[in-house]
Amino acid sequence: MVKDNPSTFIDDDAPVQLGVGKNMVNAMRYWSKAFKLTREHPSNDGKTKAHIASPTWEARWLLDEDGADPYLEEPGSLWLLHWWLVSSRPGAKCWAPTWYTAFHLAPFSRFTVADMTRVVMRHVNFSFPEGPVEASIAKDVDCLTKMYARTPGERAGAKPSGSKSGFEDLLACPFRELDLIVSVGTRGKPEWQFTTAARNSLPPRVLVYACLDYAARETSSAGSISLARLANEPGGPGRAFRVREPEIVAALDQIAAARTDLDRIDAVGQRSMSFQKNPFTLAWEILDEQYGHVTRRPGFPRREKWDAKYPMLPKVAKSELTQPVRKPLALIEEIA
């Protein structure tokens, strides 16, 4: 609906248009922005001070009727959305600071809500002159665990009396399928842990896409980046997906075997990913292959044509190069 009506989220009748409550409208607005599916900007006519939203080319590519996966049926699409949520690059900042901190900056693998809240508060207060209240961050952390962690009953296949089925729970929180966080019991308070299991549902092309997308933060030309950085650096795919260097090597070798513009090189005890063109362009070529070359379908718009249709998109991207990330929003009640 945003494609045809940029003011969808701020219209007085938005709950009627979207068929949800007012709070859910706010949640949909936030998450569409956080997943980089929309960008917000002032209205062209100047009639309202509230920002309207335009769909990004990425949203068109993934979710439109003739897009890659409009119903998110492929597990790789959830991994892709997860990467878009917790990654940040010039012109496309991360709008979920709690999620970014948890996956990229937290110094532990096992935690309580209080543990993670303290870490997020420390990083937010260090980065911003005026941070959010602690209770808001605690709600964000609670939201994060409910978003990604299956309950012990779900993992065991049990269905407590009066509860939703495991399938219904996954429909409500599909990111639990990724098994990135697991409930590990309590020591007075509930505890969770980031997992390091094999990511069998993570397609190699999606992982390599994320590696190249990360490399594009530093260069738009041919070059290389060490696999150690990709696996361990905050903001990189290793931490986002909780994969180690061997998993990155396996994915890279599989994709590079069929290409001449991508390779793995070993030199002086360090393994690197070498790319022979703009890594951002190459990343999208590889991701597009994963979904049957979406961009080759009749009538599918190039990114430049999409930006011409929604001219505020490139302007907002340019402004994000220097714009600080806003305070995180606690919206636990909308996805619990």
C-alpha atoms as a PDB file:
ATOM      1  CA  MET A   1       0.000   0.000   0.000  1.00  0.00           C
ATOM      2  CA  VAL A   2       2.922   2.337   0.674  1.00  0.00           C
ATOM      3  CA  LYS A   3       3.874   2.027  -2.993  1.00  0.00           C
ATOM      4  CA  ASP A   4       0.628   3.733  -4.000  1.00  0.00           C
ATOM      5  CA  ASN A   5       0.044   5.876  -0.910  1.00  0.00           C
ATOM      6  CA  PRO A   6       3.150   7.246   0.857  1.00  0.00           C
ATOM      7  CA  SER A   7       1.008   8.585   3.707  1.00  0.00           C
ATOM      8  CA  THR A   8      -0.429   5.154   4.511  1.00  0.00           C
ATOM      9  CA  PHE A   9       1.032   5.054   8.018  1.00  0.00           C
ATOM     10  CA  ILE A  10      -0.017   8.586   9.001  1.00  0.00           C
ATOM     11  CA  ASP A  11      -3.481   8.801   7.463  1.00  0.00           C
ATOM     12  CA  ASP A  12      -6.310   9.178   9.967  1.00  0.00           C
ATOM     13  CA  ASP A  13      -7.896   6.032   8.584  1.00  0.00           C
ATOM     14  CA  ALA A  14      -4.653   4.027   8.584  1.00  0.00           C
ATOM     15  CA  PRO A  15      -6.094   1.378  10.946  1.00  0.00           C
ATOM     16  CA  VAL A  16      -8.979   0.879   8.516  1.00  0.00           C
ATOM     17  CA  GLN A  17      -6.706   0.776   5.449  1.00  0.00           C
ATOM     18  CA  LEU A  18      -4.383  -1.759   7.058  1.00  0.00           C
ATOM     19  CA  GLY A  19      -6.991  -3.659   9.033  1.00  0.00           C
ATOM     20  CA  VAL A  20      -5.121  -3.408  12.340  1.00  0.00           C
ATOM     21  CA  GLY A  21      -5.190  -1.345  15.524  1.00  0.00           C
ATOM     22  CA  LYS A  22      -3.507   2.037  15.874  1.00  0.00           C
ATOM     23  CA  ASN A  23      -0.591   0.636  17.885  1.00  0.00           C
ATOM     24  CA  MET A  24       0.007  -1.997  15.226  1.00  0.00           C
ATOM     25  CA  VAL A  25       0.088   0.722  12.558  1.00  0.00           C
ATOM     26  CA  ASN A  26       2.922   2.362  14.487  1.00  0.00           C
ATOM     27  CA  ALA A  27       4.685  -0.982  14.783  1.00  0.00           C
ATOM     28  CA  MET A  28       4.342  -1.690  11.059  1.00  0.00           C
ATOM     29  CA  ARG A  29       5.729   1.751  10.298  1.00  0.00           C
ATOM     30  CA  TYR A  30       8.726   1.227  12.553  1.00  0.00           C
ATOM     31  CA  TRP A  31       9.602  -2.286  11.405  1.00  0.00           C
ATOM     32  CA  SER A  32       9.252  -1.490   7.711  1.00  0.00           C
ATOM     33  CA  LYS A  33      11.813   1.250   8.251  1.00  0.00           C
ATOM     34  CA  ALA A  34      14.042  -0.891  10.480  1.00  0.00           C
ATOM     35  CA  PHE A  35      14.148  -3.665   7.866  1.00  0.00           C
ATOM     36  CA  LYS A  36      15.054  -1.028   5.264  1.00  0.00           C
ATOM     37  CA  LEU A  37      11.867  -1.687   3.313  1.00  0.00           C
ATOM     38  CA  THR A  38      10.775   1.952   3.536  1.00  0.00           C
ATOM     39  CA  ARG A  39      12.466   5.309   3.986  1.00  0.00           C
ATOM     40  CA  GLU A  40      10.735   8.245   5.598  1.00  0.00           C
ATOM     41  CA  HIS A  41      10.912  11.820   4.370  1.00  0.00           C
ATOM     42  CA  PRO A  42       8.929  15.094   4.375  1.00  0.00           C
ATOM     43  CA  SER A  43       5.916  15.223   2.090  1.00  0.00           C
ATOM     44  CA  ASN A  44       6.426  16.912  -1.250  1.00  0.00           C
ATOM     45  CA  ASP A  45       3.405  19.196  -0.872  1.00  0.00           C
ATOM     46  CA  GLY A  46       4.395  20.448   2.574  1.00  0.00           C
ATOM     47  CA  LYS A  47       0.846  19.968   3.857  1.00  0.00           C
ATOM     48  CA  THR A  48       1.912  17.849   6.820  1.00  0.00           C
ATOM     49  CA  LYS A  49       4.855  17.943   9.189  1.00  0.00           C
ATOM     50  CA  ALA A  50       4.705  14.186   9.672  1.00  0.00           C
ATOM     51  CA  HIS A  51       7.068  12.183   7.497  1.00  0.00           C
ATOM     52  CA  ILE A  52       5.627   9.988   4.787  1.00  0.00           C
ATOM     53  CA  ALA A  53       7.199   6.739   3.574  1.00  0.00           C
ATOM     54  CA  SER A  54       8.445   5.496   0.218  1.00  0.00           C
ATOM     55  CA  PRO A  55       9.199   1.830  -0.530  1.00  0.00           C
ATOM     56  CA  THR A  56      12.845   1.062  -1.174  1.00  0.00           C
ATOM     57  CA  TRP A  57      14.064  -0.743  -4.264  1.00  0.00           C
ATOM     58  CA  GLU A  58      14.968  -3.633  -1.948  1.00  0.00           C
ATOM     59  CA  ALA A  59      11.325  -3.887  -0.879  1.00  0.00           C
ATOM     60  CA  ARG A  60      10.245  -3.882  -4.532  1.00  0.00           C
ATOM     61  CA  TRP A  61      12.803  -6.570  -5.331  1.00  0.00           C
ATOM     62  CA  LEU A  62      11.828  -8.866  -2.466  1.00  0.00           C
ATOM     63  CA  LEU A  63       8.147  -8.349  -1.708  1.00  0.00           C
ATOM     64  CA  ASP A  64       6.279  -7.085  -4.770  1.00  0.00           C
ATOM     65  CA  GLU A  65       3.934  -9.462  -6.574  1.00  0.00           C
ATOM     66  CA  ASP A  66       6.623 -10.333  -9.120  1.00  0.00           C
ATOM     67  CA  GLY A  67       9.430  -9.987  -6.591  1.00  0.00           C
ATOM     68  CA  ALA A  68      11.821 -12.563  -5.234  1.00  0.00           C
ATOM     69  CA  ASP A  69       9.683 -13.903  -2.393  1.00  0.00           C
ATOM     70  CA  PRO A  70       6.493 -11.888  -1.750  1.00  0.00           C
ATOM     71  CA  TYR A  71       5.185 -14.340   0.852  1.00  0.00           C
ATOM     72  CA  LEU A  72       8.553 -14.991   2.533  1.00  0.00           C
ATOM     73  CA  GLU A  73       8.342 -18.710   1.863  1.00  0.00           C
ATOM     74  CA  GLU A  74      12.088 -19.204   1.464  1.00  0.00           C
ATOM     75  CA  PRO A  75      14.198 -19.516   4.657  1.00  0.00           C
ATOM     76  CA  GLY A  76      16.902 -17.469   2.963  1.00  0.00           C
ATOM     77  CA  SER A  77      14.548 -14.490   2.881  1.00  0.00           C
ATOM     78  CA  LEU A  78      14.377 -14.416   6.681  1.00  0.00           C
ATOM     79  CA  TRP A  79      18.179 -14.481   6.846  1.00  0.00           C
ATOM     80  CA  LEU A  80      18.256 -11.646   4.334  1.00  0.00           C
ATOM     81  CA  LEU A  81      15.794  -9.552   6.324  1.00  0.00           C
ATOM     82  CA  HIS A  82      17.761 -10.273   9.491  1.00  0.00           C
ATOM     83  CA  TRP A  83      20.889  -8.942   7.780  1.00  0.00           C
ATOM     84  CA  TRP A  84      19.079  -5.826   6.614  1.00  0.00           C
ATOM     85  CA  LEU A  85      17.820  -5.277  10.168  1.00  0.00           C
ATOM     86  CA  VAL A  86      21.152  -5.558  12.004  1.00  0.00           C
ATOM     87  CA  SER A  87      23.503  -4.199   9.347  1.00  0.00           C
ATOM     88  CA  SER A  88      24.511  -0.631   8.675  1.00  0.00           C
ATOM     89  CA  ARG A  89      26.242   1.034   5.771  1.00  0.00           C
ATOM     90  CA  PRO A  90      26.633   4.618   4.557  1.00  0.00           C
ATOM     91  CA  GLY A  91      23.223   5.772   3.417  1.00  0.00           C
ATOM     92  CA  ALA A  92      21.411   2.864   5.073  1.00  0.00           C
ATOM     93  CA  LYS A  93      21.918   3.017   8.810  1.00  0.00           C
ATOM     94  CA  CYS A  94      20.678   0.469  11.318  1.00  0.00           C
ATOM     95  CA  TRP A  95      17.497   1.775  12.952  1.00  0.00           C
ATOM     96  CA  ALA A  96      17.394  -0.899  15.678  1.00  0.00           C
ATOM     97  CA  PRO A  97      20.271  -0.044  18.050  1.00  0.00           C
ATOM     98  CA  THR A  98      19.345  -2.724  20.593  1.00  0.00           C
ATOM     99  CA  TRP A  99      19.454  -5.404  17.904  1.00  0.00           C
ATOM    100  CA  TYR A 100      22.750  -4.105  16.528  1.00  0.00           C
ATOM    101  CA  THR A 101      24.327  -4.011  19.979  1.00  0.00           C
ATOM    102  CA  ALA A 102      23.087  -7.484  20.900  1.00  0.00           C
ATOM    103  CA  PHE A 103      24.415  -9.199  17.790  1.00  0.00           C
ATOM    104  CA  HIS A 104      27.555  -7.177  17.183  1.00  0.00           C
ATOM    105  CA  LEU A 105      28.789  -5.605  20.413  1.00  0.00           C
ATOM    106  CA  ALA A 106      27.648  -7.717  23.365  1.00  0.00           C
ATOM    107  CA  PRO A 107      30.713  -9.335  25.030  1.00  0.00           C
ATOM    108  CA  PHE A 108      28.886 -12.510  26.076  1.00  0.00           C
ATOM    109  CA  SER A 109      26.968 -15.355  24.470  1.00  0.00           C
ATOM    110  CA  ARG A 110      24.707 -16.131  27.440  1.00  0.00           C
ATOM    111  CA  PHE A 111      22.633 -13.393  29.020  1.00  0.00           C
ATOM    112  CA  THR A 112      19.595 -12.242  30.951  1.00  0.00           C
ATOM    113  CA  VAL A 113      17.453  -9.264  30.013  1.00  0.00           C
ATOM    114  CA  ALA A 114      19.262  -7.262  32.691  1.00  0.00           C
ATOM    115  CA  ASP A 115      22.695  -8.249  31.305  1.00  0.00           C
ATOM    116  CA  MET A 116      21.855  -7.166  27.775  1.00  0.00           C
ATOM    117  CA  THR A 117      20.075  -4.032  28.942  1.00  0.00           C
ATOM    118  CA  ARG A 118      23.210  -2.839  30.749  1.00  0.00           C
ATOM    119  CA  VAL A 119      25.361  -3.391  27.654  1.00  0.00           C
ATOM    120  CA  VAL A 120      22.929  -1.600  25.360  1.00  0.00           C
ATOM    121  CA  MET A 121      22.585   1.306  27.792  1.00  0.00           C
ATOM    122  CA  ARG A 122      26.362   1.665  27.958  1.00  0.00           C
ATOM    123  CA  HIS A 123      26.755   1.780  24.181  1.00  0.00           C
ATOM    124  CA  VAL A 124      23.764   4.049  23.617  1.00  0.00           C
ATOM    125  CA  ASN A 125      24.855   6.494  26.314  1.00  0.00           C
ATOM    126  CA  PHE A 126      28.354   6.501  24.855  1.00  0.00           C
ATOM    127  CA  SER A 127      27.046   7.241  21.355  1.00  0.00           C
ATOM    128  CA  PHE A 128      24.302   9.753  22.096  1.00  0.00           C
ATOM    129  CA  PRO A 129      24.179  12.775  24.403  1.00  0.00           C
ATOM    130  CA  GLU A 130      20.671  11.868  25.539  1.00  0.00           C
ATOM    131  CA  GLY A 131      19.758   8.211  25.546  1.00  0.00           C
ATOM    132  CA  PRO A 132      16.447   6.444  26.225  1.00  0.00           C
ATOM    133  CA  VAL A 133      15.323   5.365  29.672  1.00  0.00           C
ATOM    134  CA  GLU A 134      16.451   1.962  30.895  1.00  0.00           C
ATOM    135  CA  ALA A 135      12.909   0.578  30.946  1.00  0.00           C
ATOM    136  CA  SER A 136      12.576   1.225  27.205  1.00  0.00           C
ATOM    137  CA  ILE A 137      15.789  -0.673  26.484  1.00  0.00           C
ATOM    138  CA  ALA A 138      14.657  -3.557  28.698  1.00  0.00           C
ATOM    139  CA  LYS A 139      11.473  -3.809  26.615  1.00  0.00           C
ATOM    140  CA  ASP A 140      13.590  -3.853  23.459  1.00  0.00           C
ATOM    141  CA  VAL A 141      15.698  -6.717  24.826  1.00  0.00           C
ATOM    142  CA  ASP A 142      12.584  -8.622  25.845  1.00  0.00           C
ATOM    143  CA  CYS A 143      11.259  -8.044  22.329  1.00  0.00           C
ATOM    144  CA  LEU A 144      14.490  -9.354  20.821  1.00  0.00           C
ATOM    145  CA  THR A 145      14.373 -12.605  22.798  1.00  0.00           C
ATOM    146  CA  LYS A 146      10.727 -13.204  21.910  1.00  0.00           C
ATOM    147  CA  MET A 147      11.482 -12.450  18.270  1.00  0.00           C
ATOM    148  CA  TYR A 148      14.317 -14.974  17.894  1.00  0.00           C
ATOM    149  CA  ALA A 149      14.131 -17.571  20.678  1.00  0.00           C
ATOM    150  CA  ARG A 150      11.897 -20.602  20.603  1.00  0.00           C
ATOM    151  CA  THR A 151      10.440 -21.525  23.958  1.00  0.00           C
ATOM    152  CA  PRO A 152      11.583 -24.829  25.514  1.00  0.00           C
ATOM    153  CA  GLY A 153       8.137 -26.223  24.708  1.00  0.00           C
ATOM    154  CA  GLU A 154       8.447 -25.230  21.044  1.00  0.00           C
ATOM    155  CA  ARG A 155      11.839 -26.915  20.771  1.00  0.00           C
ATOM    156  CA  ALA A 156      10.492 -30.098  22.322  1.00  0.00           C
ATOM    157  CA  GLY A 157       7.376 -30.014  20.184  1.00  0.00           C
ATOM    158  CA  ALA A 158       5.157 -29.677  23.241  1.00  0.00           C
ATOM    159  CA  LYS A 159       1.965 -27.666  23.305  1.00  0.00           C
ATOM    160  CA  PRO A 160       1.019 -26.431  26.773  1.00  0.00           C
ATOM    161  CA  SER A 161      -2.685 -26.393  27.529  1.00  0.00           C
ATOM    162  CA  GLY A 162      -4.402 -23.330  26.069  1.00  0.00           C
ATOM    163  CA  SER A 163      -1.313 -22.210  24.133  1.00  0.00           C
ATOM    164  CA  LYS A 164      -0.750 -21.642  20.454  1.00  0.00           C
ATOM    165  CA  SER A 165       0.685 -24.462  18.371  1.00  0.00           C
ATOM    166  CA  GLY A 166       4.357 -24.333  17.413  1.00  0.00           C
ATOM    167  CA  PHE A 167       3.319 -23.565  13.838  1.00  0.00           C
ATOM    168  CA  GLU A 168       1.168 -20.654  14.972  1.00  0.00           C
ATOM    169  CA  ASP A 169       4.032 -19.366  17.113  1.00  0.00           C
ATOM    170  CA  LEU A 170       6.355 -19.436  14.114  1.00  0.00           C
ATOM    171  CA  LEU A 171       3.793 -17.556  12.048  1.00  0.00           C
ATOM    172  CA  ALA A 172       3.694 -14.898  14.762  1.00  0.00           C
ATOM    173  CA  CYS A 173       7.502 -14.793  15.087  1.00  0.00           C
ATOM    174  CA  PRO A 174       8.993 -16.374  11.942  1.00  0.00           C
ATOM    175  CA  PHE A 175      12.534 -15.340  12.847  1.00  0.00           C
ATOM    176  CA  ARG A 176      12.530 -18.096  15.453  1.00  0.00           C
ATOM    177  CA  GLU A 177      13.118 -20.451  12.525  1.00  0.00           C
ATOM    178  CA  LEU A 178      16.672 -19.103  12.321  1.00  0.00           C
ATOM    179  CA  ASP A 179      17.514 -20.532  15.764  1.00  0.00           C
ATOM    180  CA  LEU A 180      19.902 -17.684  16.505  1.00  0.00           C
ATOM    181  CA  ILE A 181      18.929 -17.443  20.176  1.00  0.00           C
ATOM    182  CA  VAL A 182      17.806 -20.218  22.487  1.00  0.00           C
ATOM    183  CA  SER A 183      16.272 -20.237  25.947  1.00  0.00           C
ATOM    184  CA  VAL A 184      18.650 -21.995  28.352  1.00  0.00           C
ATOM    185  CA  GLY A 185      16.619 -22.005  31.549  1.00  0.00           C
ATOM    186  CA  THR A 186      16.900 -19.796  34.578  1.00  0.00           C
ATOM    187  CA  ARG A 187      19.194 -18.931  37.447  1.00  0.00           C
ATOM    188  CA  GLY A 188      16.621 -16.890  39.262  1.00  0.00           C
ATOM    189  CA  LYS A 189      15.795 -15.098  35.992  1.00  0.00           C
ATOM    190  CA  PRO A 190      15.233 -16.377  32.420  1.00  0.00           C
ATOM    191  CA  GLU A 191      18.442 -16.732  30.415  1.00  0.00           C
ATOM    192  CA  TRP A 192      19.152 -16.906  26.695  1.00  0.00           C
ATOM    193  CA  GLN A 193      22.143 -17.842  24.604  1.00  0.00           C
ATOM    194  CA  PHE A 194      23.303 -17.081  21.068  1.00  0.00           C
ATOM    195  CA  THR A 195      23.709 -20.358  19.228  1.00  0.00           C
ATOM    196  CA  THR A 196      26.634 -21.482  17.074  1.00  0.00           C
ATOM    197  CA  ALA A 197      24.987 -24.459  15.383  1.00  0.00           C
ATOM    198  CA  ALA A 198      25.341 -25.145  11.670  1.00  0.00           C
ATOM    199  CA  ARG A 199      23.216 -22.694   9.674  1.00  0.00           C
ATOM    200  CA  ASN A 200      21.725 -25.268   7.336  1.00  0.00           C
ATOM    201  CA  SER A 201      18.915 -22.931   6.255  1.00  0.00           C
ATOM    202  CA  LEU A 202      21.309 -20.080   5.371  1.00  0.00           C
ATOM    203  CA  PRO A 203      21.877 -20.241   1.588  1.00  0.00           C
ATOM    204  CA  PRO A 204      25.531 -19.767   0.553  1.00  0.00           C
ATOM    205  CA  ARG A 205      24.533 -16.986  -1.855  1.00  0.00           C
ATOM    206  CA  VAL A 206      22.826 -15.035   0.939  1.00  0.00           C
ATOM    207  CA  LEU A 207      25.902 -15.374   3.139  1.00  0.00           C
ATOM    208  CA  VAL A 208      28.230 -14.298   0.322  1.00  0.00           C
ATOM    209  CA  TYR A 209      25.874 -11.422  -0.488  1.00  0.00           C
ATOM    210  CA  ALA A 210      26.197 -10.220   3.107  1.00  0.00           C
ATOM    211  CA  CYS A 211      29.994 -10.530   2.935  1.00  0.00           C
ATOM    212  CA  LEU A 212      30.163  -8.424  -0.217  1.00  0.00           C
ATOM    213  CA  ASP A 213      27.593  -5.974   1.127  1.00  0.00           C
ATOM    214  CA  TYR A 214      29.813  -5.535   4.171  1.00  0.00           C
ATOM    215  CA  ALA A 215      32.904  -5.061   2.000  1.00  0.00           C
ATOM    216  CA  ALA A 216      31.026  -2.350   0.087  1.00  0.00           C
ATOM    217  CA  ARG A 217      31.117  -0.190   3.202  1.00  0.00           C
ATOM    218  CA  GLU A 218      34.764   0.520   2.470  1.00  0.00           C
ATOM    219  CA  THR A 219      35.120   0.448  -1.282  1.00  0.00           C
ATOM    220  CA  SER A 220      33.171   0.652  -4.517  1.00  0.00           C
ATOM    221  CA  SER A 221      36.025  -0.812  -6.552  1.00  0.00           C
ATOM    222  CA  ALA A 222      37.677  -4.186  -7.009  1.00  0.00           C
ATOM    223  CA  GLY A 223      39.591  -5.301  -3.951  1.00  0.00           C
ATOM    224  CA  SER A 224      39.644  -7.796  -1.105  1.00  0.00           C
ATOM    225  CA  ILE A 225      38.712  -8.211   2.538  1.00  0.00           C
ATOM    226  CA  SER A 226      40.061 -10.719   5.036  1.00  0.00           C
ATOM    227  CA  LEU A 227      37.780 -13.551   6.061  1.00  0.00           C
ATOM    228  CA  ALA A 228      38.798 -12.972   9.678  1.00  0.00           C
ATOM    229  CA  ARG A 229      37.237  -9.521   9.492  1.00  0.00           C
ATOM    230  CA  LEU A 230      34.072 -10.888   7.924  1.00  0.00           C
ATOM    231  CA  ALA A 231      33.798 -13.505  10.664  1.00  0.00           C
ATOM    232  CA  ASN A 232      34.709 -11.439  13.709  1.00  0.00           C
ATOM    233  CA  GLU A 233      34.337  -7.716  13.112  1.00  0.00           C
ATOM    234  CA  PRO A 234      31.394  -5.916  14.758  1.00  0.00           C
ATOM    235  CA  GLY A 235      28.869  -5.148  12.036  1.00  0.00           C
ATOM    236  CA  GLY A 236      30.013  -8.058   9.877  1.00  0.00           C
ATOM    237  CA  PRO A 237      28.092 -11.134   8.725  1.00  0.00           C
ATOM    238  CA  GLY A 238      29.950 -13.467  11.079  1.00  0.00           C
ATOM    239  CA  ARG A 239      28.462 -11.821  14.121  1.00  0.00           C
ATOM    240  CA  ALA A 240      25.105 -11.110  12.509  1.00  0.00           C
ATOM    241  CA  PHE A 241      24.588 -14.742  11.470  1.00  0.00           C
ATOM    242  CA  ARG A 242      26.719 -16.260  14.251  1.00  0.00           C
ATOM    243  CA  VAL A 243      28.882 -18.136  11.759  1.00  0.00           C
ATOM    244  CA  ARG A 244      32.612 -18.775  11.935  1.00  0.00           C
ATOM    245  CA  GLU A 245      35.305 -18.402   9.315  1.00  0.00           C
ATOM    246  CA  PRO A 246      35.073 -22.042   8.077  1.00  0.00           C
ATOM    247  CA  GLU A 247      31.381 -21.549   7.242  1.00  0.00           C
ATOM    248  CA  ILE A 248      32.225 -18.387   5.308  1.00  0.00           C
ATOM    249  CA  VAL A 249      34.997 -20.240   3.469  1.00  0.00           C
ATOM    250  CA  ALA A 250      32.618 -23.045   2.487  1.00  0.00           C
ATOM    251  CA  ALA A 251      29.998 -20.634   1.150  1.00  0.00           C
ATOM    252  CA  LEU A 252      32.552 -18.485  -0.660  1.00  0.00           C
ATOM    253  CA  ASP A 253      34.236 -21.462  -2.305  1.00  0.00           C
ATOM    254  CA  GLN A 254      30.906 -22.829  -3.504  1.00  0.00           C
ATOM    255  CA  ILE A 255      29.830 -19.555  -5.123  1.00  0.00           C
ATOM    256  CA  ALA A 256      33.267 -18.579  -6.417  1.00  0.00           C
ATOM    257  CA  ALA A 257      33.643 -21.912  -8.213  1.00  0.00           C
ATOM    258  CA  ALA A 258      31.113 -20.759 -10.815  1.00  0.00           C
ATOM    259  CA  ARG A 259      32.379 -17.174 -11.199  1.00  0.00           C
ATOM    260  CA  THR A 260      35.451 -15.375 -12.507  1.00  0.00           C
ATOM    261  CA  ASP A 261      34.877 -12.153 -10.548  1.00  0.00           C
ATOM    262  CA  LEU A 262      35.017 -13.695  -7.066  1.00  0.00           C
ATOM    263  CA  ASP A 263      37.682 -15.811  -5.401  1.00  0.00           C
ATOM    264  CA  ARG A 264      39.298 -16.836  -2.155  1.00  0.00           C
ATOM    265  CA  ILE A 265      42.989 -16.122  -1.817  1.00  0.00           C
ATOM    266  CA  ASP A 266      45.420 -17.429   0.798  1.00  0.00           C
ATOM    267  CA  ALA A 267      48.489 -15.340   1.529  1.00  0.00           C
ATOM    268  CA  VAL A 268      50.856 -15.127   4.485  1.00  0.00           C
ATOM    269  CA  GLY A 269      48.569 -17.148   6.703  1.00  0.00           C
ATOM    270  CA  GLN A 270      45.539 -14.978   5.985  1.00  0.00           C
ATOM    271  CA  ARG A 271      42.550 -15.915   3.886  1.00  0.00           C
ATOM    272  CA  SER A 272      40.710 -13.192   2.002  1.00  0.00           C
ATOM    273  CA  MET A 273      37.747 -12.744  -0.298  1.00  0.00           C
ATOM    274  CA  SER A 274      38.798 -11.135  -3.570  1.00  0.00           C
ATOM    275  CA  PHE A 275      36.293  -9.381  -5.841  1.00  0.00           C
ATOM    276  CA  GLN A 276      36.914  -7.978  -9.323  1.00  0.00           C
ATOM    277  CA  LYS A 277      34.182  -5.307  -9.398  1.00  0.00           C
ATOM    278  CA  ASN A 278      32.160  -3.042  -7.144  1.00  0.00           C
ATOM    279  CA  PRO A 279      31.281  -5.379  -4.250  1.00  0.00           C
ATOM    280  CA  PHE A 280      27.804  -3.864  -3.876  1.00  0.00           C
ATOM    281  CA  THR A 281      27.018  -4.604  -7.539  1.00  0.00           C
ATOM    282  CA  LEU A 282      28.479  -8.097  -7.269  1.00  0.00           C
ATOM    283  CA  ALA A 283      26.551  -8.761  -4.069  1.00  0.00           C
ATOM    284  CA  TRP A 284      23.267  -8.042  -5.802  1.00  0.00           C
ATOM    285  CA  GLU A 285      24.166 -10.134  -8.843  1.00  0.00           C
ATOM    286  CA  ILE A 286      24.755 -13.122  -6.575  1.00  0.00           C
ATOM    287  CA  LEU A 287      21.637 -12.525  -4.484  1.00  0.00           C
ATOM    288  CA  ASP A 288      19.552 -12.115  -7.639  1.00  0.00           C
ATOM    289  CA  GLU A 289      20.801 -15.512  -8.838  1.00  0.00           C
ATOM    290  CA  GLN A 290      19.509 -17.097  -5.637  1.00  0.00           C
ATOM    291  CA  TYR A 291      15.974 -16.075  -6.589  1.00  0.00           C
ATOM    292  CA  GLY A 292      16.023 -16.844 -10.299  1.00  0.00           C
ATOM    293  CA  HIS A 293      17.253 -13.493 -11.626  1.00  0.00           C
ATOM    294  CA  VAL A 294      14.393 -11.288 -10.471  1.00  0.00           C
ATOM    295  CA  THR A 295      15.854  -8.201 -12.133  1.00  0.00           C
ATOM    296  CA  ARG A 296      15.658  -9.856 -15.555  1.00  0.00           C
ATOM    297  CA  ARG A 297      11.897 -10.261 -15.396  1.00  0.00           C
ATOM    298  CA  PRO A 298       9.893  -8.158 -17.884  1.00  0.00           C
ATOM    299  CA  GLY A 299       9.185  -4.692 -16.601  1.00  0.00           C
ATOM    300  CA  PHE A 300      11.286  -4.997 -13.466  1.00  0.00           C
ATOM    301  CA  PRO A 301      12.728  -1.524 -12.727  1.00  0.00           C
ATOM    302  CA  ARG A 302      16.405  -0.822 -12.328  1.00  0.00           C
ATOM    303  CA  ARG A 303      17.421   0.887  -9.119  1.00  0.00           C
ATOM    304  CA  GLU A 304      17.947   4.180 -10.988  1.00  0.00           C
ATOM    305  CA  LYS A 305      14.436   4.049 -12.441  1.00  0.00           C
ATOM    306  CA  TRP A 306      12.983   3.315  -9.002  1.00  0.00           C
ATOM    307  CA  ASP A 307      14.833   6.286  -7.523  1.00  0.00           C
ATOM    308  CA  ALA A 308      13.432   8.452 -10.314  1.00  0.00           C
ATOM    309  CA  LYS A 309       9.919   7.300  -9.408  1.00  0.00           C
ATOM    310  CA  TYR A 310      10.565   8.038  -5.722  1.00  0.00           C
ATOM    311  CA  PRO A 311      13.069  10.913  -5.886  1.00  0.00           C
ATOM    312  CA  MET A 312      13.198  11.351  -2.119  1.00  0.00           C
ATOM    313  CA  LEU A 313      14.836   7.934  -1.662  1.00  0.00           C
ATOM    314  CA  PRO A 314      18.349   8.971  -2.788  1.00  0.00           C
ATOM    315  CA  LYS A 315      18.003  12.258  -0.911  1.00  0.00           C
ATOM    316  CA  VAL A 316      17.197  10.448   2.320  1.00  0.00           C
ATOM    317  CA  ALA A 317      20.072   8.038   1.738  1.00  0.00           C
ATOM    318  CA  LYS A 318      22.421  10.975   1.340  1.00  0.00           C
ATOM    319  CA  SER A 319      21.145  12.577   4.541  1.00  0.00           C
ATOM    320  CA  GLU A 320      21.721   9.338   6.460  1.00  0.00           C
ATOM    321  CA  LEU A 321      25.429   9.627   5.767  1.00  0.00           C
ATOM    322  CA  THR A 322      25.613  12.159   8.604  1.00  0.00           C
ATOM    323  CA  GLN A 323      22.300  11.739  10.436  1.00  0.00           C
ATOM    324  CA  PRO A 324      22.493  10.031  13.856  1.00  0.00           C
ATOM    325  CA  VAL A 325      20.330   7.007  14.529  1.00  0.00           C
ATOM    326  CA  ARG A 326      17.244   7.872  16.538  1.00  0.00           C
ATOM    327  CA  LYS A 327      16.361   6.329  19.842  1.00  0.00           C
ATOM    328  CA  PRO A 328      15.240   2.683  19.650  1.00  0.00           C
ATOM    329  CA  LEU A 329      11.535   2.007  19.946  1.00  0.00           C
ATOM    330  CA  ALA A 330      10.195  -0.630  22.297  1.00  0.00           C
ATOM    331  CA  LEU A 331       7.333  -2.362  20.493  1.00  0.00           C
ATOM    332  CA  ILE A 332       7.223  -5.682  22.293  1.00  0.00           C
ATOM    333  CA  GLU A 333       3.433  -5.721  22.550  1.00  0.00           C
ATOM    334  CA  GLU A 334       3.143  -5.686  18.768  1.00  0.00           C
ATOM    335  CA  ILE A 335       5.031  -8.925  18.077  1.00  0.00           C
ATOM    336  CA  ALA A 336       4.790 -10.875  21.322  1.00  0.00           C
END
